[in-house]
PDB file of N, CA and C in Angstrom:
ATOM      1  N   MET A   1      34.380  26.112  59.407  1.00  0.00           N
ATOM      2  CA  MET A   1      34.006  24.922  58.700  1.00  0.00           C
ATOM      3  C   MET A   1      32.799  25.190  57.794  1.00  0.00           C
ATOM      4  N   GLU A   2      31.900  26.056  58.271  1.00  0.00           N
ATOM      5  CA  GLU A   2      30.731  26.391  57.457  1.00  0.00           C
ATOM      6  C   GLU A   2      31.155  27.046  56.153  1.00  0.00           C
ATOM      7  N   VAL A   3      32.203  27.855  56.232  1.00  0.00           N
ATOM      8  CA  VAL A   3      32.690  28.556  55.044  1.00  0.00           C
ATOM      9  C   VAL A   3      33.119  27.548  53.984  1.00  0.00           C
ATOM     10  N   LEU A   4      33.808  26.496  54.405  1.00  0.00           N
ATOM     11  CA  LEU A   4      34.248  25.477  53.452  1.00  0.00           C
ATOM     12  C   LEU A   4      33.063  24.753  52.822  1.00  0.00           C
ATOM     13  N   TRP A   5      32.051  24.487  53.630  1.00  0.00           N
ATOM     14  CA  TRP A   5      30.862  23.832  53.097  1.00  0.00           C
ATOM     15  C   TRP A   5      30.170  24.741  52.081  1.00  0.00           C
ATOM     16  N   LEU A   6      30.027  26.023  52.425  1.00  0.00           N
ATOM     17  CA  LEU A   6      29.399  26.968  51.491  1.00  0.00           C
ATOM     18  C   LEU A   6      30.188  27.046  50.187  1.00  0.00           C
ATOM     19  N   LYS A   7      31.515  27.052  50.293  1.00  0.00           N
ATOM     20  CA  LYS A   7      32.369  27.089  49.107  1.00  0.00           C
ATOM     21  C   LYS A   7      32.160  25.826  48.270  1.00  0.00           C
ATOM     22  N   SER A   8      32.017  24.674  48.936  1.00  0.00           N
ATOM     23  CA  SER A   8      31.807  23.417  48.205  1.00  0.00           C
ATOM     24  C   SER A   8      30.471  23.400  47.467  1.00  0.00           C
ATOM     25  N   GLN A   9      29.544  24.249  47.913  1.00  0.00           N
ATOM     26  CA  GLN A   9      28.237  24.347  47.262  1.00  0.00           C
ATOM     27  C   GLN A   9      28.239  25.378  46.125  1.00  0.00           C
ATOM     28  N   LYS A  10      29.427  25.872  45.815  1.00  0.00           N
ATOM     29  CA  LYS A  10      29.641  26.840  44.726  1.00  0.00           C
ATOM     30  C   LYS A  10      28.897  28.165  44.947  1.00  0.00           C
ATOM     31  N   ILE A  11      28.789  28.544  46.200  1.00  0.00           N
ATOM     32  CA  ILE A  11      28.183  29.828  46.551  1.00  0.00           C
ATOM     33  C   ILE A  11      29.245  30.901  46.343  1.00  0.00           C
ATOM     34  N   PRO A  12      28.869  32.047  45.754  1.00  0.00           N
ATOM     35  CA  PRO A  12      29.847  33.116  45.497  1.00  0.00           C
ATOM     36  C   PRO A  12      30.470  33.640  46.800  1.00  0.00           C
ATOM     37  N   HIS A  13      31.703  34.094  46.691  1.00  0.00           N
ATOM     38  CA  HIS A  13      32.443  34.581  47.855  1.00  0.00           C
ATOM     39  C   HIS A  13      31.688  35.686  48.591  1.00  0.00           C
ATOM     40  N   GLN A  14      31.106  36.615  47.860  1.00  0.00           N
ATOM     41  CA  GLN A  14      30.388  37.724  48.498  1.00  0.00           C
ATOM     42  C   GLN A  14      29.249  37.194  49.372  1.00  0.00           C
ATOM     43  N   LYS A  15      28.524  36.205  48.884  1.00  0.00           N
ATOM     44  CA  LYS A  15      27.404  35.627  49.639  1.00  0.00           C
ATOM     45  C   LYS A  15      27.921  34.842  50.849  1.00  0.00           C
ATOM     46  N   ILE A  16      29.047  34.127  50.674  1.00  0.00           N
ATOM     47  CA  ILE A  16      29.636  33.394  51.799  1.00  0.00           C
ATOM     48  C   ILE A  16      30.015  34.369  52.910  1.00  0.00           C
ATOM     49  N   CYS A  17      30.648  35.471  52.532  1.00  0.00           N
ATOM     50  CA  CYS A  17      31.044  36.482  53.525  1.00  0.00           C
ATOM     51  C   CYS A  17      29.828  37.022  54.260  1.00  0.00           C
ATOM     52  N   GLN A  18      28.773  37.290  53.522  1.00  0.00           N
ATOM     53  CA  GLN A  18      27.549  37.818  54.136  1.00  0.00           C
ATOM     54  C   GLN A  18      26.944  36.793  55.103  1.00  0.00           C
ATOM     55  N   LEU A  19      26.839  35.550  54.673  1.00  0.00           N
ATOM     56  CA  LEU A  19      26.239  34.509  55.514  1.00  0.00           C
ATOM     57  C   LEU A  19      27.077  34.207  56.749  1.00  0.00           C
ATOM     58  N   ALA A  20      28.405  34.215  56.587  1.00  0.00           N
ATOM     59  CA  ALA A  20      29.291  33.865  57.700  1.00  0.00           C
ATOM     60  C   ALA A  20      29.658  35.067  58.561  1.00  0.00           C
ATOM     61  N   GLY A  21      29.355  36.273  58.081  1.00  0.00           N
ATOM     62  CA  GLY A  21      29.691  37.475  58.841  1.00  0.00           C
ATOM     63  C   GLY A  21      31.185  37.724  58.901  1.00  0.00           C
ATOM     64  N   ILE A  22      31.880  37.467  57.798  1.00  0.00           N
ATOM     65  CA  ILE A  22      33.321  37.669  57.744  1.00  0.00           C
ATOM     66  C   ILE A  22      33.677  38.569  56.569  1.00  0.00           C
ATOM     67  N   SER A  23      34.889  39.090  56.585  1.00  0.00           N
ATOM     68  CA  SER A  23      35.351  39.949  55.491  1.00  0.00           C
ATOM     69  C   SER A  23      35.884  39.080  54.352  1.00  0.00           C
ATOM     70  N   PRO A  24      35.969  39.654  53.151  1.00  0.00           N
ATOM     71  CA  PRO A  24      36.551  38.911  52.031  1.00  0.00           C
ATOM     72  C   PRO A  24      37.986  38.456  52.311  1.00  0.00           C
ATOM     73  N   ASN A  25      38.771  39.285  52.995  1.00  0.00           N
ATOM     74  CA  ASN A  25      40.140  38.893  53.328  1.00  0.00           C
ATOM     75  C   ASN A  25      40.168  37.686  54.260  1.00  0.00           C
ATOM     76  N   THR A  26      39.254  37.652  55.222  1.00  0.00           N
ATOM     77  CA  THR A  26      39.182  36.518  56.144  1.00  0.00           C
ATOM     78  C   THR A  26      38.800  35.256  55.383  1.00  0.00           C
ATOM     79  N   LEU A  27      37.852  35.369  54.462  1.00  0.00           N
ATOM     80  CA  LEU A  27      37.457  34.210  53.659  1.00  0.00           C
ATOM     81  C   LEU A  27      38.657  33.668  52.882  1.00  0.00           C
ATOM     82  N   LEU A  28      39.402  34.556  52.234  1.00  0.00           N
ATOM     83  CA  LEU A  28      40.571  34.116  51.471  1.00  0.00           C
ATOM     84  C   LEU A  28      41.616  33.468  52.370  1.00  0.00           C
ATOM     85  N   THR A  29      41.776  34.000  53.579  1.00  0.00           N
ATOM     86  CA  THR A  29      42.716  33.402  54.538  1.00  0.00           C
ATOM     87  C   THR A  29      42.269  31.990  54.895  1.00  0.00           C
ATOM     88  N   TYR A  30      40.971  31.803  55.166  1.00  0.00           N
ATOM     89  CA  TYR A  30      40.444  30.479  55.492  1.00  0.00           C
ATOM     90  C   TYR A  30      40.675  29.498  54.350  1.00  0.00           C
ATOM     91  N   LEU A  31      40.383  29.937  53.131  1.00  0.00           N
ATOM     92  CA  LEU A  31      40.539  29.060  51.973  1.00  0.00           C
ATOM     93  C   LEU A  31      42.009  28.705  51.741  1.00  0.00           C
ATOM     94  N   ARG A  32      42.890  29.677  51.919  1.00  0.00           N
ATOM     95  CA  ARG A  32      44.327  29.432  51.762  1.00  0.00           C
ATOM     96  C   ARG A  32      44.825  28.462  52.839  1.00  0.00           C
ATOM     97  N   ASP A  33      44.410  28.698  54.085  1.00  0.00           N
ATOM     98  CA  ASP A  33      44.804  27.812  55.180  1.00  0.00           C
ATOM     99  C   ASP A  33      44.318  26.391  54.935  1.00  0.00           C
ATOM    100  N   ASP A  34      43.106  26.244  54.406  1.00  0.00           N
ATOM    101  CA  ASP A  34      42.571  24.916  54.114  1.00  0.00           C
ATOM    102  C   ASP A  34      43.417  24.226  53.049  1.00  0.00           C
ATOM    103  N   GLN A  35      43.806  24.952  52.021  1.00  0.00           N
ATOM    104  CA  GLN A  35      44.634  24.363  50.963  1.00  0.00           C
ATOM    105  C   GLN A  35      46.014  23.973  51.487  1.00  0.00           C
ATOM    106  N   GLU A  36      46.572  24.802  52.368  1.00  0.00           N
ATOM    107  CA  GLU A  36      47.927  24.561  52.863  1.00  0.00           C
ATOM    108  C   GLU A  36      47.996  23.463  53.924  1.00  0.00           C
ATOM    109  N   GLY A  37      46.981  23.401  54.803  1.00  0.00           N
ATOM    110  CA  GLY A  37      47.097  22.459  55.915  1.00  0.00           C
ATOM    111  C   GLY A  37      45.825  21.756  56.310  1.00  0.00           C
ATOM    112  N   GLY A  38      44.774  21.923  55.539  1.00  0.00           N
ATOM    113  CA  GLY A  38      43.522  21.244  55.840  1.00  0.00           C
ATOM    114  C   GLY A  38      42.881  21.726  57.136  1.00  0.00           C
ATOM    115  N   ILE A  39      42.062  20.870  57.704  1.00  0.00           N
ATOM    116  CA  ILE A  39      41.308  21.204  58.910  1.00  0.00           C
ATOM    117  C   ILE A  39      42.219  21.556  60.078  1.00  0.00           C
ATOM    118  N   GLU A  40      43.338  20.846  60.216  1.00  0.00           N
ATOM    119  CA  GLU A  40      44.260  21.127  61.325  1.00  0.00           C
ATOM    120  C   GLU A  40      44.787  22.556  61.260  1.00  0.00           C
ATOM    121  N   LYS A  41      45.078  23.024  60.066  1.00  0.00           N
ATOM    122  CA  LYS A  41      45.566  24.402  59.905  1.00  0.00           C
ATOM    123  C   LYS A  41      44.464  25.399  60.287  1.00  0.00           C
ATOM    124  N   LEU A  42      43.223  25.075  59.935  1.00  0.00           N
ATOM    125  CA  LEU A  42      42.103  25.964  60.269  1.00  0.00           C
ATOM    126  C   LEU A  42      41.823  26.015  61.770  1.00  0.00           C
ATOM    127  N   LYS A  43      42.189  24.969  62.500  1.00  0.00           N
ATOM    128  CA  LYS A  43      41.959  24.934  63.942  1.00  0.00           C
ATOM    129  C   LYS A  43      42.918  25.833  64.708  1.00  0.00           C
ATOM    130  N   GLU A  44      44.029  26.221  64.067  1.00  0.00           N
ATOM    131  CA  GLU A  44      44.995  27.096  64.735  1.00  0.00           C
ATOM    132  C   GLU A  44      44.364  28.461  64.959  1.00  0.00           C
ATOM    133  N   ILE A  45      44.662  29.039  66.110  1.00  0.00           N
ATOM    134  CA  ILE A  45      44.147  30.377  66.422  1.00  0.00           C
ATOM    135  C   ILE A  45      45.235  31.386  66.080  1.00  0.00           C
ATOM    136  N   ASN A  46      44.967  32.180  65.069  1.00  0.00           N
ATOM    137  CA  ASN A  46      45.917  33.203  64.641  1.00  0.00           C
ATOM    138  C   ASN A  46      45.184  34.535  64.541  1.00  0.00           C
ATOM    139  N   PHE A  47      45.492  35.431  65.434  1.00  0.00           N
ATOM    140  CA  PHE A  47      44.899  36.749  65.356  1.00  0.00           C
ATOM    141  C   PHE A  47      45.925  37.783  65.778  1.00  0.00           C
ATOM    142  N   TYR A  48      45.726  38.981  65.308  1.00  0.00           N
ATOM    143  CA  TYR A  48      46.644  40.067  65.582  1.00  0.00           C
ATOM    144  C   TYR A  48      46.320  40.661  66.935  1.00  0.00           C
ATOM    145  N   ARG A  49      47.318  40.723  67.806  1.00  0.00           N
ATOM    146  CA  ARG A  49      47.148  41.351  69.108  1.00  0.00           C
ATOM    147  C   ARG A  49      48.327  42.297  69.308  1.00  0.00           C
ATOM    148  N   PRO A  50      48.086  43.595  69.085  1.00  0.00           N
ATOM    149  CA  PRO A  50      49.203  44.543  69.219  1.00  0.00           C
ATOM    150  C   PRO A  50      49.707  44.624  70.657  1.00  0.00           C
ATOM    151  N   LYS A  51      50.976  44.896  70.791  1.00  0.00           N
ATOM    152  CA  LYS A  51      51.583  45.075  72.111  1.00  0.00           C
ATOM    153  C   LYS A  51      51.254  46.474  72.625  1.00  0.00           C
ATOM    154  N   SER A  52      50.908  46.562  73.887  1.00  0.00           N
ATOM    155  CA  SER A  52      50.616  47.844  74.501  1.00  0.00           C
ATOM    156  C   SER A  52      51.907  48.629  74.708  1.00  0.00           C
ATOM    157  N   GLU A  53      51.839  49.924  74.476  1.00  0.00           N
ATOM    158  CA  GLU A  53      52.996  50.778  74.725  1.00  0.00           C
ATOM    159  C   GLU A  53      53.306  50.866  76.218  1.00  0.00           C
ATOM    160  N   LEU A  54      52.338  50.494  77.049  1.00  0.00           N
ATOM    161  CA  LEU A  54      52.532  50.535  78.501  1.00  0.00           C
ATOM    162  C   LEU A  54      53.110  49.236  79.051  1.00  0.00           C
ATOM    163  N   GLU A  55      53.272  48.235  78.220  1.00  0.00           N
ATOM    164  CA  GLU A  55      53.768  46.938  78.696  1.00  0.00           C
ATOM    165  C   GLU A  55      55.069  47.048  79.487  1.00  0.00           C
ATOM    166  N   PRO A  56      56.048  47.842  79.038  1.00  0.00           N
ATOM    167  CA  PRO A  56      57.284  47.952  79.824  1.00  0.00           C
ATOM    168  C   PRO A  56      57.070  48.564  81.218  1.00  0.00           C
ATOM    169  N   GLN A  57      55.955  49.272  81.389  1.00  0.00           N
ATOM    170  CA  GLN A  57      55.672  49.930  82.667  1.00  0.00           C
ATOM    171  C   GLN A  57      54.711  49.140  83.545  1.00  0.00           C
ATOM    172  N   ARG A  58      54.380  47.921  83.146  1.00  0.00           N
ATOM    173  CA  ARG A  58      53.369  47.131  83.851  1.00  0.00           C
ATOM    174  C   ARG A  58      53.621  47.054  85.356  1.00  0.00           C
ATOM    175  N   GLU A  59      54.808  46.668  85.769  1.00  0.00           N
ATOM    176  CA  GLU A  59      55.104  46.503  87.199  1.00  0.00           C
ATOM    177  C   GLU A  59      55.067  47.837  87.943  1.00  0.00           C
ATOM    178  N   THR A  60      55.589  48.875  87.318  1.00  0.00           N
ATOM    179  CA  THR A  60      55.571  50.202  87.941  1.00  0.00           C
ATOM    180  C   THR A  60      54.134  50.658  88.177  1.00  0.00           C
ATOM    181  N   LEU A  61      53.285  50.495  87.153  1.00  0.00           N
ATOM    182  CA  LEU A  61      51.883  50.895  87.285  1.00  0.00           C
ATOM    183  C   LEU A  61      51.162  50.052  88.338  1.00  0.00           C
ATOM    184  N   LYS A  62      51.423  48.763  88.332  1.00  0.00           N
ATOM    185  CA  LYS A  62      50.781  47.877  89.305  1.00  0.00           C
ATOM    186  C   LYS A  62      51.128  48.306  90.731  1.00  0.00           C
ATOM    187  N   LYS A  63      52.393  48.563  90.979  1.00  0.00           N
ATOM    188  CA  LYS A  63      52.826  49.002  92.315  1.00  0.00           C
ATOM    189  C   LYS A  63      52.191  50.333  92.683  1.00  0.00           C
ATOM    190  N   TYR A  64      52.126  51.253  91.713  1.00  0.00           N
ATOM    191  CA  TYR A  64      51.541  52.569  91.976  1.00  0.00           C
ATOM    192  C   TYR A  64      50.080  52.437  92.395  1.00  0.00           C
ATOM    193  N   PHE A  65      49.305  51.631  91.658  1.00  0.00           N
ATOM    194  CA  PHE A  65      47.882  51.509  91.974  1.00  0.00           C
ATOM    195  C   PHE A  65      47.646  50.708  93.249  1.00  0.00           C
ATOM    196  N   GLU A  66      48.532  49.799  93.565  1.00  0.00           N
ATOM    197  CA  GLU A  66      48.425  49.100  94.852  1.00  0.00           C
ATOM    198  C   GLU A  66      48.689  50.066  95.999  1.00  0.00           C
ATOM    199  N   LYS A  67      49.602  50.979  95.786  1.00  0.00           N
ATOM    200  CA  LYS A  67      49.958  51.965  96.811  1.00  0.00           C
ATOM    201  C   LYS A  67      48.907  53.078  96.911  1.00  0.00           C
ATOM    202  N   ASN A  68      48.212  53.352  95.827  1.00  0.00           N
ATOM    203  CA  ASN A  68      47.211  54.424  95.764  1.00  0.00           C
ATOM    204  C   ASN A  68      45.869  53.854  95.294  1.00  0.00           C
ATOM    205  N   PRO A  69      45.205  53.066  96.134  1.00  0.00           N
ATOM    206  CA  PRO A  69      43.973  52.391  95.697  1.00  0.00           C
ATOM    207  C   PRO A  69      42.807  53.333  95.398  1.00  0.00           C
ATOM    208  N   HIS A  70      42.893  54.574  95.864  1.00  0.00           N
ATOM    209  CA  HIS A  70      41.806  55.521  95.617  1.00  0.00           C
ATOM    210  C   HIS A  70      41.835  56.073  94.191  1.00  0.00           C
ATOM    211  N   ILE A  71      42.900  55.842  93.453  1.00  0.00           N
ATOM    212  CA  ILE A  71      43.008  56.327  92.074  1.00  0.00           C
ATOM    213  C   ILE A  71      42.706  55.176  91.129  1.00  0.00           C
ATOM    214  N   ARG A  72      41.763  55.400  90.241  1.00  0.00           N
ATOM    215  CA  ARG A  72      41.332  54.368  89.305  1.00  0.00           C
ATOM    216  C   ARG A  72      41.238  54.960  87.899  1.00  0.00           C
ATOM    217  N   PRO A  73      41.419  54.120  86.887  1.00  0.00           N
ATOM    218  CA  PRO A  73      41.210  54.603  85.515  1.00  0.00           C
ATOM    219  C   PRO A  73      39.737  54.903  85.284  1.00  0.00           C
ATOM    220  N   ILE A  74      39.458  55.991  84.594  1.00  0.00           N
ATOM    221  CA  ILE A  74      38.094  56.395  84.290  1.00  0.00           C
ATOM    222  C   ILE A  74      37.979  56.489  82.778  1.00  0.00           C
ATOM    223  N   VAL A  75      37.124  55.659  82.180  1.00  0.00           N
ATOM    224  CA  VAL A  75      36.920  55.698  80.738  1.00  0.00           C
ATOM    225  C   VAL A  75      35.858  56.749  80.452  1.00  0.00           C
ATOM    226  N   ARG A  76      36.201  57.692  79.605  1.00  0.00           N
ATOM    227  CA  ARG A  76      35.267  58.765  79.251  1.00  0.00           C
ATOM    228  C   ARG A  76      34.688  58.502  77.879  1.00  0.00           C
ATOM    229  N   GLY A  77      33.380  58.539  77.747  1.00  0.00           N
ATOM    230  CA  GLY A  77      32.740  58.402  76.447  1.00  0.00           C
ATOM    231  C   GLY A  77      32.791  56.988  75.908  1.00  0.00           C
ATOM    232  N   LYS A  78      32.814  56.905  74.593  1.00  0.00           N
ATOM    233  CA  LYS A  78      32.781  55.616  73.910  1.00  0.00           C
ATOM    234  C   LYS A  78      34.126  54.928  73.957  1.00  0.00           C
ATOM    235  N   ALA A  79      34.107  53.650  73.657  1.00  0.00           N
ATOM    236  CA  ALA A  79      35.341  52.863  73.617  1.00  0.00           C
ATOM    237  C   ALA A  79      36.294  53.485  72.613  1.00  0.00           C
ATOM    238  N   GLY A  80      37.556  53.443  72.931  1.00  0.00           N
ATOM    239  CA  GLY A  80      38.557  54.012  72.048  1.00  0.00           C
ATOM    240  C   GLY A  80      38.982  55.403  72.461  1.00  0.00           C
ATOM    241  N   ASN A  81      38.191  56.030  73.342  1.00  0.00           N
ATOM    242  CA  ASN A  81      38.572  57.348  73.839  1.00  0.00           C
ATOM    243  C   ASN A  81      39.642  57.201  74.914  1.00  0.00           C
ATOM    244  N   PRO A  82      40.375  58.257  75.148  1.00  0.00           N
ATOM    245  CA  PRO A  82      41.430  58.181  76.166  1.00  0.00           C
ATOM    246  C   PRO A  82      40.881  57.836  77.549  1.00  0.00           C
ATOM    247  N   VAL A  83      41.715  57.241  78.326  1.00  0.00           N
ATOM    248  CA  VAL A  83      41.375  56.914  79.710  1.00  0.00           C
ATOM    249  C   VAL A  83      42.013  57.964  80.599  1.00  0.00           C
ATOM    250  N   GLU A  84      41.241  58.488  81.517  1.00  0.00           N
ATOM    251  CA  GLU A  84      41.749  59.465  82.467  1.00  0.00           C
ATOM    252  C   GLU A  84      41.918  58.770  83.813  1.00  0.00           C
ATOM    253  N   PHE A  85      42.697  59.370  84.668  1.00  0.00           N
ATOM    254  CA  PHE A  85      42.876  58.806  86.002  1.00  0.00           C
ATOM    255  C   PHE A  85      42.423  59.844  87.021  1.00  0.00           C
ATOM    256  N   GLY A  86      41.709  59.374  88.025  1.00  0.00           N
ATOM    257  CA  GLY A  86      41.241  60.292  89.050  1.00  0.00           C
ATOM    258  C   GLY A  86      40.804  59.544  90.285  1.00  0.00           C
ATOM    259  N   ALA A  87      40.393  60.284  91.278  1.00  0.00           N
ATOM    260  CA  ALA A  87      39.966  59.687  92.538  1.00  0.00           C
ATOM    261  C   ALA A  87      38.654  58.937  92.322  1.00  0.00           C
ATOM    262  N   LYS A  88      38.538  57.820  92.993  1.00  0.00           N
ATOM    263  CA  LYS A  88      37.303  57.043  92.942  1.00  0.00           C
ATOM    264  C   LYS A  88      36.335  57.667  93.930  1.00  0.00           C
ATOM    265  N   LEU A  89      35.394  58.425  93.423  1.00  0.00           N
ATOM    266  CA  LEU A  89      34.433  59.151  94.257  1.00  0.00           C
ATOM    267  C   LEU A  89      33.018  58.757  93.878  1.00  0.00           C
ATOM    268  N   SER A  90      32.114  58.926  94.787  1.00  0.00           N
ATOM    269  CA  SER A  90      30.706  58.770  94.470  1.00  0.00           C
ATOM    270  C   SER A  90      29.972  59.979  95.035  1.00  0.00           C
ATOM    271  N   ALA A  91      28.997  60.431  94.274  1.00  0.00           N
ATOM    272  CA  ALA A  91      28.244  61.602  94.716  1.00  0.00           C
ATOM    273  C   ALA A  91      27.054  61.169  95.549  1.00  0.00           C
ATOM    274  N   SER A  92      26.789  61.909  96.585  1.00  0.00           N
ATOM    275  CA  SER A  92      25.631  61.650  97.436  1.00  0.00           C
ATOM    276  C   SER A  92      24.820  62.918  97.536  1.00  0.00           C
ATOM    277  N   CYS A  93      23.535  62.737  97.696  1.00  0.00           N
ATOM    278  CA  CYS A  93      22.655  63.885  97.809  1.00  0.00           C
ATOM    279  C   CYS A  93      21.947  63.820  99.164  1.00  0.00           C
ATOM    280  N   TYR A  94      22.096  64.884  99.953  1.00  0.00           N
ATOM    281  CA  TYR A  94      21.452  64.940 101.244  1.00  0.00           C
ATOM    282  C   TYR A  94      20.400  66.039 101.236  1.00  0.00           C
ATOM    283  N   ASN A  95      19.227  65.712 101.742  1.00  0.00           N
ATOM    284  CA  ASN A  95      18.147  66.686 101.888  1.00  0.00           C
ATOM    285  C   ASN A  95      17.835  67.388 100.577  1.00  0.00           C
ATOM    286  N   GLY A  96      17.716  66.653  99.550  1.00  0.00           N
ATOM    287  CA  GLY A  96      17.211  67.316  98.415  1.00  0.00           C
ATOM    288  C   GLY A  96      17.784  67.226  97.134  1.00  0.00           C
TER     289      GLY A  96
END
């Protein structure tokens, strides 16, 4: 809604994007949606959510991890890196 107000104040698109923290494509989508359906159209939640390649294996994986609770996914490094699977262990230090 702020984007529409900024647009009504004749603020340039680049400045609107900067103030609202959105991309130029998102701004154009908002403006198009407003023209096509007004506020009600803008209230709709539309975002891209890709389907996981593992979705067909969901039940198989769930059963496997229920049967093998000691094995857990381990995320290595930053987000987006591959996930490894291994035993859930903790290191302890005795006497030193």
